[in-house]
Amino acid sequence: LIDKGVKFYASLGNHDASNQRFYALFNMNGE
């Protein structure tokens, strides 16, 4: 899916580290 250009937009859960907001493929733009 990523190779086809599908974009994944994440929200943070209780098991997620805040730093995942910087992971480019989650498209959070550091927020």
Full PDB file with SEQRES, HELIX, SHEET, SSBOND, CRYST1, ORIGX, SCALE, CONECT and MASTER records, all heavy atoms in Angstrom:
SEQRES   1 A   31  LEU ILE ASP LYS GLY VAL LYS PHE TYR ALA SER LEU GLY          
SEQRES   2 A   31  ASN HIS ASP ALA SER ASN GLN ARG PHE TYR ALA LEU PHE          
SEQRES   3 A   31  ASN MET ASN GLY GLU                                          
HELIX    1 AA1 ILE A    2  LYS A    4  5                                   3    
HELIX    2 AA2 SER A   18  PHE A   22  5                                   5    
HELIX    3 AA3 ALA A   24  PHE A   26  5                                   3    
CRYST1    1.000    1.000    1.000  90.00  90.00  90.00 P 1           1          
ORIGX1      1.000000  0.000000  0.000000        0.00000                         
ORIGX2      0.000000  1.000000  0.000000        0.00000                         
ORIGX3      0.000000  0.000000  1.000000        0.00000                         
SCALE1      1.000000  0.000000  0.000000        0.00000                         
SCALE2      0.000000  1.000000  0.000000        0.00000                         
SCALE3      0.000000  0.000000  1.000000        0.00000                         
ATOM      1  N   LEU A   1       0.829  -1.206   0.000  1.00  0.00           N  
ATOM      2  CA  LEU A   1       0.000   0.000   0.000  1.00  0.00           C  
ATOM      3  C   LEU A   1       0.864   1.257   0.000  1.00  0.00           C  
ATOM      4  O   LEU A   1       0.580   2.208  -0.731  1.00  0.00           O  
ATOM      5  CB  LEU A   1      -0.929  -0.004   1.217  1.00  0.00           C  
ATOM      6  CG  LEU A   1      -1.963  -1.128   1.255  1.00  0.00           C  
ATOM      7  CD1 LEU A   1      -2.716  -1.118   2.579  1.00  0.00           C  
ATOM      8  CD2 LEU A   1      -2.934  -1.012   0.091  1.00  0.00           C  
ATOM      9  N   ILE A   2       1.916   1.257   0.817  1.00  0.00           N  
ATOM     10  CA  ILE A   2       2.818   2.413   0.855  1.00  0.00           C  
ATOM     11  C   ILE A   2       3.419   2.650  -0.522  1.00  0.00           C  
ATOM     12  O   ILE A   2       3.523   3.787  -0.995  1.00  0.00           O  
ATOM     13  CB  ILE A   2       3.908   2.192   1.916  1.00  0.00           C  
ATOM     14  CG1 ILE A   2       3.290   2.150   3.322  1.00  0.00           C  
ATOM     15  CG2 ILE A   2       4.973   3.289   1.849  1.00  0.00           C  
ATOM     16  CD1 ILE A   2       4.234   1.683   4.408  1.00  0.00           C  
ATOM     17  N   ASP A   3       3.809   1.568  -1.200  1.00  0.00           N  
ATOM     18  CA  ASP A   3       4.398   1.679  -2.534  1.00  0.00           C  
ATOM     19  C   ASP A   3       3.410   2.243  -3.556  1.00  0.00           C  
ATOM     20  O   ASP A   3       3.825   2.818  -4.570  1.00  0.00           O  
ATOM     21  CB  ASP A   3       4.901   0.317  -3.013  1.00  0.00           C  
ATOM     22  CG  ASP A   3       6.165  -0.132  -2.282  1.00  0.00           C  
ATOM     23  OD1 ASP A   3       6.759   0.697  -1.564  1.00  0.00           O  
ATOM     24  OD2 ASP A   3       6.541  -1.316  -2.422  1.00  0.00           O  
ATOM     25  N   LYS A   4       2.112   2.072  -3.287  1.00  0.00           N  
ATOM     26  CA  LYS A   4       1.085   2.625  -4.176  1.00  0.00           C  
ATOM     27  C   LYS A   4       0.748   4.076  -3.849  1.00  0.00           C  
ATOM     28  O   LYS A   4      -0.118   4.669  -4.493  1.00  0.00           O  
ATOM     29  CB  LYS A   4      -0.190   1.775  -4.093  1.00  0.00           C  
ATOM     30  CG  LYS A   4      -0.040   0.370  -4.668  1.00  0.00           C  
ATOM     31  CD  LYS A   4      -1.298  -0.450  -4.412  1.00  0.00           C  
ATOM     32  CE  LYS A   4      -1.120  -1.880  -4.912  1.00  0.00           C  
ATOM     33  NZ  LYS A   4      -2.288  -2.744  -4.570  1.00  0.00           N  
ATOM     34  N   GLY A   5       1.396   4.632  -2.839  1.00  0.00           N  
ATOM     35  CA  GLY A   5       1.159   6.027  -2.475  1.00  0.00           C  
ATOM     36  C   GLY A   5       0.083   6.243  -1.440  1.00  0.00           C  
ATOM     37  O   GLY A   5      -0.304   7.397  -1.178  1.00  0.00           O  
ATOM     38  N   VAL A   6      -0.419   5.168  -0.824  1.00  0.00           N  
ATOM     39  CA  VAL A   6      -1.417   5.311   0.232  1.00  0.00           C  
ATOM     40  C   VAL A   6      -0.759   5.962   1.444  1.00  0.00           C  
ATOM     41  O   VAL A   6       0.327   5.560   1.875  1.00  0.00           O  
ATOM     42  CB  VAL A   6      -2.018   3.948   0.617  1.00  0.00           C  
ATOM     43  CG1 VAL A   6      -2.965   4.082   1.811  1.00  0.00           C  
ATOM     44  CG2 VAL A   6      -2.747   3.340  -0.579  1.00  0.00           C  
ATOM     45  N   LYS A   7      -1.421   6.982   2.004  1.00  0.00           N  
ATOM     46  CA  LYS A   7      -0.889   7.693   3.168  1.00  0.00           C  
ATOM     47  C   LYS A   7      -1.591   7.228   4.441  1.00  0.00           C  
ATOM     48  O   LYS A   7      -2.822   7.156   4.497  1.00  0.00           O  
ATOM     49  CB  LYS A   7      -1.061   9.203   3.005  1.00  0.00           C  
ATOM     50  CG  LYS A   7      -0.042   9.831   2.076  1.00  0.00           C  
ATOM     51  CD  LYS A   7      -0.045  11.351   2.239  1.00  0.00           C  
ATOM     52  CE  LYS A   7       1.133  11.970   1.517  1.00  0.00           C  
ATOM     53  NZ  LYS A   7       1.222  13.434   1.758  1.00  0.00           N  
ATOM     54  N   PHE A   8      -0.798   6.944   5.455  1.00  0.00           N  
ATOM     55  CA  PHE A   8      -1.297   6.533   6.766  1.00  0.00           C  
ATOM     56  C   PHE A   8      -1.212   7.733   7.703  1.00  0.00           C  
ATOM     57  O   PHE A   8      -0.154   8.349   7.841  1.00  0.00           O  
ATOM     58  CB  PHE A   8      -0.455   5.382   7.318  1.00  0.00           C  
ATOM     59  CG  PHE A   8      -0.641   4.074   6.600  1.00  0.00           C  
ATOM     60  CD1 PHE A   8      -0.149   3.889   5.312  1.00  0.00           C  
ATOM     61  CD2 PHE A   8      -1.304   3.025   7.210  1.00  0.00           C  
ATOM     62  CE1 PHE A   8      -0.312   2.683   4.646  1.00  0.00           C  
ATOM     63  CE2 PHE A   8      -1.475   1.809   6.556  1.00  0.00           C  
ATOM     64  CZ  PHE A   8      -0.972   1.644   5.262  1.00  0.00           C  
ATOM     65  N   TYR A   9      -2.329   8.035   8.370  1.00  0.00           N  
ATOM     66  CA  TYR A   9      -2.390   9.151   9.328  1.00  0.00           C  
ATOM     67  C   TYR A   9      -2.653   8.562  10.715  1.00  0.00           C  
ATOM     68  O   TYR A   9      -3.697   7.944  10.949  1.00  0.00           O  
ATOM     69  CB  TYR A   9      -3.501  10.122   8.945  1.00  0.00           C  
ATOM     70  CG  TYR A   9      -3.232  10.868   7.656  1.00  0.00           C  
ATOM     71  CD1 TYR A   9      -3.598  10.328   6.431  1.00  0.00           C  
ATOM     72  CD2 TYR A   9      -2.596  12.112   7.661  1.00  0.00           C  
ATOM     73  CE1 TYR A   9      -3.354  10.996   5.239  1.00  0.00           C  
ATOM     74  CE2 TYR A   9      -2.340  12.794   6.483  1.00  0.00           C  
ATOM     75  CZ  TYR A   9      -2.723  12.230   5.273  1.00  0.00           C  
ATOM     76  OH  TYR A   9      -2.470  12.892   4.100  1.00  0.00           O  
ATOM     77  N   ALA A  10      -1.709   8.760  11.631  1.00  0.00           N  
ATOM     78  CA  ALA A  10      -1.776   8.119  12.940  1.00  0.00           C  
ATOM     79  C   ALA A  10      -2.344   9.040  14.010  1.00  0.00           C  
ATOM     80  O   ALA A  10      -2.235  10.263  13.930  1.00  0.00           O  
ATOM     81  CB  ALA A  10      -0.385   7.643  13.360  1.00  0.00           C  
ATOM     82  N   SER A  11      -2.935   8.424  15.011  1.00  0.00           N  
ATOM     83  CA  SER A  11      -3.198   9.072  16.295  1.00  0.00           C  
ATOM     84  C   SER A  11      -2.497   8.239  17.351  1.00  0.00           C  
ATOM     85  O   SER A  11      -2.224   7.054  17.140  1.00  0.00           O  
ATOM     86  CB  SER A  11      -4.702   9.171  16.571  1.00  0.00           C  
ATOM     87  OG  SER A  11      -5.305   7.885  16.614  1.00  0.00           O  
ATOM     88  N   LEU A  12      -2.184   8.852  18.479  1.00  0.00           N  
ATOM     89  CA  LEU A  12      -1.385   8.185  19.503  1.00  0.00           C  
ATOM     90  C   LEU A  12      -2.255   7.443  20.505  1.00  0.00           C  
ATOM     91  O   LEU A  12      -3.208   7.999  21.056  1.00  0.00           O  
ATOM     92  CB  LEU A  12      -0.511   9.202  20.246  1.00  0.00           C  
ATOM     93  CG  LEU A  12       0.567   9.903  19.415  1.00  0.00           C  
ATOM     94  CD1 LEU A  12       1.290  10.938  20.272  1.00  0.00           C  
ATOM     95  CD2 LEU A  12       1.561   8.905  18.831  1.00  0.00           C  
ATOM     96  N   GLY A  13      -1.915   6.173  20.754  1.00  0.00           N  
ATOM     97  CA  GLY A  13      -2.572   5.386  21.784  1.00  0.00           C  
ATOM     98  C   GLY A  13      -1.731   5.305  23.038  1.00  0.00           C  
ATOM     99  O   GLY A  13      -0.616   5.832  23.102  1.00  0.00           O  
ATOM    100  N   ASN A  14      -2.233   4.629  24.045  1.00  0.00           N  
ATOM    101  CA  ASN A  14      -1.519   4.544  25.319  1.00  0.00           C  
ATOM    102  C   ASN A  14      -0.256   3.695  25.239  1.00  0.00           C  
ATOM    103  O   ASN A  14       0.607   3.773  26.108  1.00  0.00           O  
ATOM    104  CB  ASN A  14      -2.446   4.020  26.423  1.00  0.00           C  
ATOM    105  CG  ASN A  14      -3.078   2.689  26.075  1.00  0.00           C  
ATOM    106  OD1 ASN A  14      -3.908   2.618  25.171  1.00  0.00           O  
ATOM    107  ND2 ASN A  14      -2.712   1.633  26.776  1.00  0.00           N  
ATOM    108  N   HIS A  15      -0.111   2.881  24.194  1.00  0.00           N  
ATOM    109  CA  HIS A  15       1.106   2.092  24.013  1.00  0.00           C  
ATOM    110  C   HIS A  15       2.106   2.770  23.083  1.00  0.00           C  
ATOM    111  O   HIS A  15       3.161   2.203  22.791  1.00  0.00           O  
ATOM    112  CB  HIS A  15       0.772   0.703  23.476  1.00  0.00           C  
ATOM    113  CG  HIS A  15       0.181  -0.210  24.498  1.00  0.00           C  
ATOM    114  ND1 HIS A  15       0.936  -0.873  25.440  1.00  0.00           N  
ATOM    115  CD2 HIS A  15      -1.109  -0.572  24.724  1.00  0.00           C  
ATOM    116  CE1 HIS A  15       0.151  -1.595  26.210  1.00  0.00           C  
ATOM    117  NE2 HIS A  15      -1.099  -1.438  25.800  1.00  0.00           N  
ATOM    118  N   ASP A  16       1.781   3.958  22.573  1.00  0.00           N  
ATOM    119  CA  ASP A  16       2.640   4.645  21.609  1.00  0.00           C  
ATOM    120  C   ASP A  16       3.502   5.705  22.298  1.00  0.00           C  
ATOM    121  O   ASP A  16       3.012   6.458  23.133  1.00  0.00           O  
ATOM    122  CB  ASP A  16       1.798   5.328  20.528  1.00  0.00           C  
ATOM    123  CG  ASP A  16       1.020   4.339  19.695  1.00  0.00           C  
ATOM    124  OD1 ASP A  16       1.588   3.284  19.359  1.00  0.00           O  
ATOM    125  OD2 ASP A  16      -0.164   4.613  19.386  1.00  0.00           O  
ATOM    126  N   ALA A  17       4.761   5.767  21.900  1.00  0.00           N  
ATOM    127  CA  ALA A  17       5.648   6.826  22.384  1.00  0.00           C  
ATOM    128  C   ALA A  17       5.353   8.119  21.631  1.00  0.00           C  
ATOM    129  O   ALA A  17       5.073   8.116  20.439  1.00  0.00           O  
ATOM    130  CB  ALA A  17       7.102   6.427  22.174  1.00  0.00           C  
ATOM    131  N   SER A  18       5.439   9.231  22.350  1.00  0.00           N  
ATOM    132  CA  SER A  18       5.168  10.528  21.739  1.00  0.00           C  
ATOM    133  C   SER A  18       6.089  10.798  20.550  1.00  0.00           C  
ATOM    134  O   SER A  18       5.695  11.461  19.578  1.00  0.00           O  
ATOM    135  CB  SER A  18       5.332  11.638  22.782  1.00  0.00           C  
ATOM    136  OG  SER A  18       5.208  12.919  22.196  1.00  0.00           O  
ATOM    137  N   ASN A  19       7.313  10.272  20.588  1.00  0.00           N  
ATOM    138  CA  ASN A  19       8.266  10.513  19.509  1.00  0.00           C  
ATOM    139  C   ASN A  19       7.821   9.935  18.171  1.00  0.00           C  
ATOM    140  O   ASN A  19       8.379  10.298  17.131  1.00  0.00           O  
ATOM    141  CB  ASN A  19       9.647   9.955  19.874  1.00  0.00           C  
ATOM    142  CG  ASN A  19      10.405  10.865  20.816  1.00  0.00           C  
ATOM    143  OD1 ASN A  19      10.057  12.036  20.982  1.00  0.00           O  
ATOM    144  ND2 ASN A  19      11.441  10.333  21.449  1.00  0.00           N  
ATOM    145  N   GLN A  20       6.830   9.045  18.194  1.00  0.00           N  
ATOM    146  CA  GLN A  20       6.334   8.504  16.931  1.00  0.00           C  
ATOM    147  C   GLN A  20       5.702   9.596  16.060  1.00  0.00           C  
ATOM    148  O   GLN A  20       5.511   9.392  14.864  1.00  0.00           O  
ATOM    149  CB  GLN A  20       5.328   7.379  17.193  1.00  0.00           C  
ATOM    150  CG  GLN A  20       5.975   6.111  17.741  1.00  0.00           C  
ATOM    151  CD  GLN A  20       4.959   5.041  18.108  1.00  0.00           C  
ATOM    152  OE1 GLN A  20       3.824   5.068  17.630  1.00  0.00           O  
ATOM    153  NE2 GLN A  20       5.346   4.113  18.962  1.00  0.00           N  
ATOM    154  N   ARG A  21       5.456  10.755  16.645  1.00  0.00           N  
ATOM    155  CA  ARG A  21       4.891  11.853  15.859  1.00  0.00           C  
ATOM    156  C   ARG A  21       5.891  12.368  14.829  1.00  0.00           C  
ATOM    157  O   ARG A  21       5.516  13.088  13.899  1.00  0.00           O  
ATOM    158  CB  ARG A  21       4.421  12.982  16.773  1.00  0.00           C  
ATOM    159  CG  ARG A  21       5.522  13.779  17.449  1.00  0.00           C  
ATOM    160  CD  ARG A  21       4.923  14.724  18.491  1.00  0.00           C  
ATOM    161  NE  ARG A  21       5.890  15.680  19.043  1.00  0.00           N  
ATOM    162  CZ  ARG A  21       6.708  15.425  20.045  1.00  0.00           C  
ATOM    163  NH1 ARG A  21       6.709  14.212  20.609  1.00  0.00           N  
ATOM    164  NH2 ARG A  21       7.537  16.360  20.484  1.00  0.00           N  
ATOM    165  N   PHE A  22       7.155  11.996  14.989  1.00  0.00           N  
ATOM    166  CA  PHE A  22       8.187  12.415  14.029  1.00  0.00           C  
ATOM    167  C   PHE A  22       8.429  11.363  12.943  1.00  0.00           C  
ATOM    168  O   PHE A  22       9.212  11.613  12.025  1.00  0.00           O  
ATOM    169  CB  PHE A  22       9.509  12.702  14.757  1.00  0.00           C  
ATOM    170  CG  PHE A  22       9.410  13.818  15.751  1.00  0.00           C  
ATOM    171  CD1 PHE A  22       9.499  13.565  17.112  1.00  0.00           C  
ATOM    172  CD2 PHE A  22       9.223  15.126  15.333  1.00  0.00           C  
ATOM    173  CE1 PHE A  22       9.412  14.594  18.046  1.00  0.00           C  
ATOM    174  CE2 PHE A  22       9.134  16.172  16.258  1.00  0.00           C  
ATOM    175  CZ  PHE A  22       9.222  15.901  17.606  1.00  0.00           C  
ATOM    176  N   TYR A  23       7.800  10.226  13.053  1.00  0.00           N  
ATOM    177  CA  TYR A  23       7.989   9.149  12.071  1.00  0.00           C  
ATOM    178  C   TYR A  23       7.265   9.533  10.779  1.00  0.00           C  
ATOM    179  O   TYR A  23       6.047   9.715  10.762  1.00  0.00           O  
ATOM    180  CB  TYR A  23       7.436   7.849  12.649  1.00  0.00           C  
ATOM    181  CG  TYR A  23       7.506   6.644  11.750  1.00  0.00           C  
ATOM    182  CD1 TYR A  23       8.713   6.218  11.212  1.00  0.00           C  
ATOM    183  CD2 TYR A  23       6.355   5.921  11.464  1.00  0.00           C  
ATOM    184  CE1 TYR A  23       8.769   5.099  10.401  1.00  0.00           C  
ATOM    185  CE2 TYR A  23       6.403   4.796  10.659  1.00  0.00           C  
ATOM    186  CZ  TYR A  23       7.618   4.395  10.132  1.00  0.00           C  
ATOM    187  OH  TYR A  23       7.665   3.285   9.320  1.00  0.00           O  
ATOM    188  N   ALA A  24       8.018   9.683   9.711  1.00  0.00           N  
ATOM    189  CA  ALA A  24       7.481  10.288   8.484  1.00  0.00           C  
ATOM    190  C   ALA A  24       6.256   9.559   7.944  1.00  0.00           C  
ATOM    191  O   ALA A  24       5.304  10.208   7.470  1.00  0.00           O  
ATOM    192  CB  ALA A  24       8.577  10.336   7.418  1.00  0.00           C  
ATOM    193  N   LEU A  25       6.232   8.239   8.030  1.00  0.00           N  
ATOM    194  CA  LEU A  25       5.141   7.475   7.415  1.00  0.00           C  
ATOM    195  C   LEU A  25       3.839   7.555   8.218  1.00  0.00           C  
ATOM    196  O   LEU A  25       2.806   7.076   7.751  1.00  0.00           O  
ATOM    197  CB  LEU A  25       5.551   6.014   7.223  1.00  0.00           C  
ATOM    198  CG  LEU A  25       6.647   5.780   6.178  1.00  0.00           C  
ATOM    199  CD1 LEU A  25       7.013   4.303   6.098  1.00  0.00           C  
ATOM    200  CD2 LEU A  25       6.215   6.295   4.801  1.00  0.00           C  
ATOM    201  N   PHE A  26       3.888   8.161   9.421  1.00  0.00           N  
ATOM    202  CA  PHE A  26       2.653   8.387  10.188  1.00  0.00           C  
ATOM    203  C   PHE A  26       2.030   9.740   9.865  1.00  0.00           C  
ATOM    204  O   PHE A  26       0.940  10.049  10.345  1.00  0.00           O  
ATOM    205  CB  PHE A  26       2.917   8.276  11.694  1.00  0.00           C  
ATOM    206  CG  PHE A  26       3.009   6.857  12.193  1.00  0.00           C  
ATOM    207  CD1 PHE A  26       3.393   6.598  13.505  1.00  0.00           C  
ATOM    208  CD2 PHE A  26       2.713   5.772  11.377  1.00  0.00           C  
ATOM    209  CE1 PHE A  26       3.476   5.293  13.990  1.00  0.00           C  
ATOM    210  CE2 PHE A  26       2.794   4.470  11.841  1.00  0.00           C  
ATOM    211  CZ  PHE A  26       3.177   4.229  13.148  1.00  0.00           C  
ATOM    212  N   ASN A  27       2.726  10.574   9.095  1.00  0.00           N  
ATOM    213  CA  ASN A  27       2.181  11.835   8.590  1.00  0.00           C  
ATOM    214  C   ASN A  27       1.606  12.741   9.672  1.00  0.00           C  
ATOM    215  O   ASN A  27       0.581  13.415   9.470  1.00  0.00           O  
ATOM    216  CB  ASN A  27       1.125  11.544   7.517  1.00  0.00           C  
ATOM    217  CG  ASN A  27       1.746  11.021   6.232  1.00  0.00           C  
ATOM    218  OD1 ASN A  27       2.432  11.760   5.521  1.00  0.00           O  
ATOM    219  ND2 ASN A  27       1.544   9.744   5.960  1.00  0.00           N  
ATOM    220  N   MET A  28       2.270  12.781  10.827  1.00  0.00           N  
ATOM    221  CA  MET A  28       1.835  13.632  11.931  1.00  0.00           C  
ATOM    222  C   MET A  28       2.572  14.964  11.949  1.00  0.00           C  
ATOM    223  O   MET A  28       2.213  15.865  12.718  1.00  0.00           O  
ATOM    224  CB  MET A  28       2.014  12.900  13.270  1.00  0.00           C  
ATOM    225  CG  MET A  28       1.241  11.587  13.357  1.00  0.00           C  
ATOM    226  SD  MET A  28       1.516  10.690  14.917  1.00  0.00           S  
ATOM    227  CE  MET A  28       0.557  11.704  16.054  1.00  0.00           C  
ATOM    228  N   ASN A  29       3.611  15.075  11.147  1.00  0.00           N  
ATOM    229  CA  ASN A  29       4.374  16.325  11.029  1.00  0.00           C  
ATOM    230  C   ASN A  29       4.850  16.859  12.377  1.00  0.00           C  
ATOM    231  O   ASN A  29       4.853  18.070  12.621  1.00  0.00           O  
ATOM    232  CB  ASN A  29       3.549  17.386  10.288  1.00  0.00           C  
ATOM    233  CG  ASN A  29       3.234  16.963   8.864  1.00  0.00           C  
ATOM    234  OD1 ASN A  29       4.112  16.493   8.148  1.00  0.00           O  
ATOM    235  ND2 ASN A  29       1.977  17.106   8.468  1.00  0.00           N  
ATOM    236  N   GLY A  30       5.230  15.938  13.263  1.00  0.00           N  
ATOM    237  CA  GLY A  30       5.776  16.340  14.552  1.00  0.00           C  
ATOM    238  C   GLY A  30       4.756  16.795  15.580  1.00  0.00           C  
ATOM    239  O   GLY A  30       5.123  17.283  16.652  1.00  0.00           O  
ATOM    240  N   GLU A  31       3.467  16.626  15.283  1.00  0.00           N  
ATOM    241  CA  GLU A  31       2.399  17.095  16.180  1.00  0.00           C  
ATOM    242  C   GLU A  31       1.645  15.914  16.792  1.00  0.00           C  
ATOM    243  O   GLU A  31       1.352  14.932  16.112  1.00  0.00           O  
ATOM    244  CB  GLU A  31       1.410  17.979  15.415  1.00  0.00           C  
ATOM    245  CG  GLU A  31       2.039  19.178  14.732  1.00  0.00           C  
ATOM    246  CD  GLU A  31       2.595  20.201  15.710  1.00  0.00           C  
ATOM    247  OE1 GLU A  31       2.204  20.167  16.897  1.00  0.00           O  
ATOM    248  OE2 GLU A  31       3.411  21.036  15.289  1.00  0.00           O  
TER     249      GLU A  31                                                      
MASTER        0    0    0    3    0    0    0    6  248    1    0    3          
END                                                                             
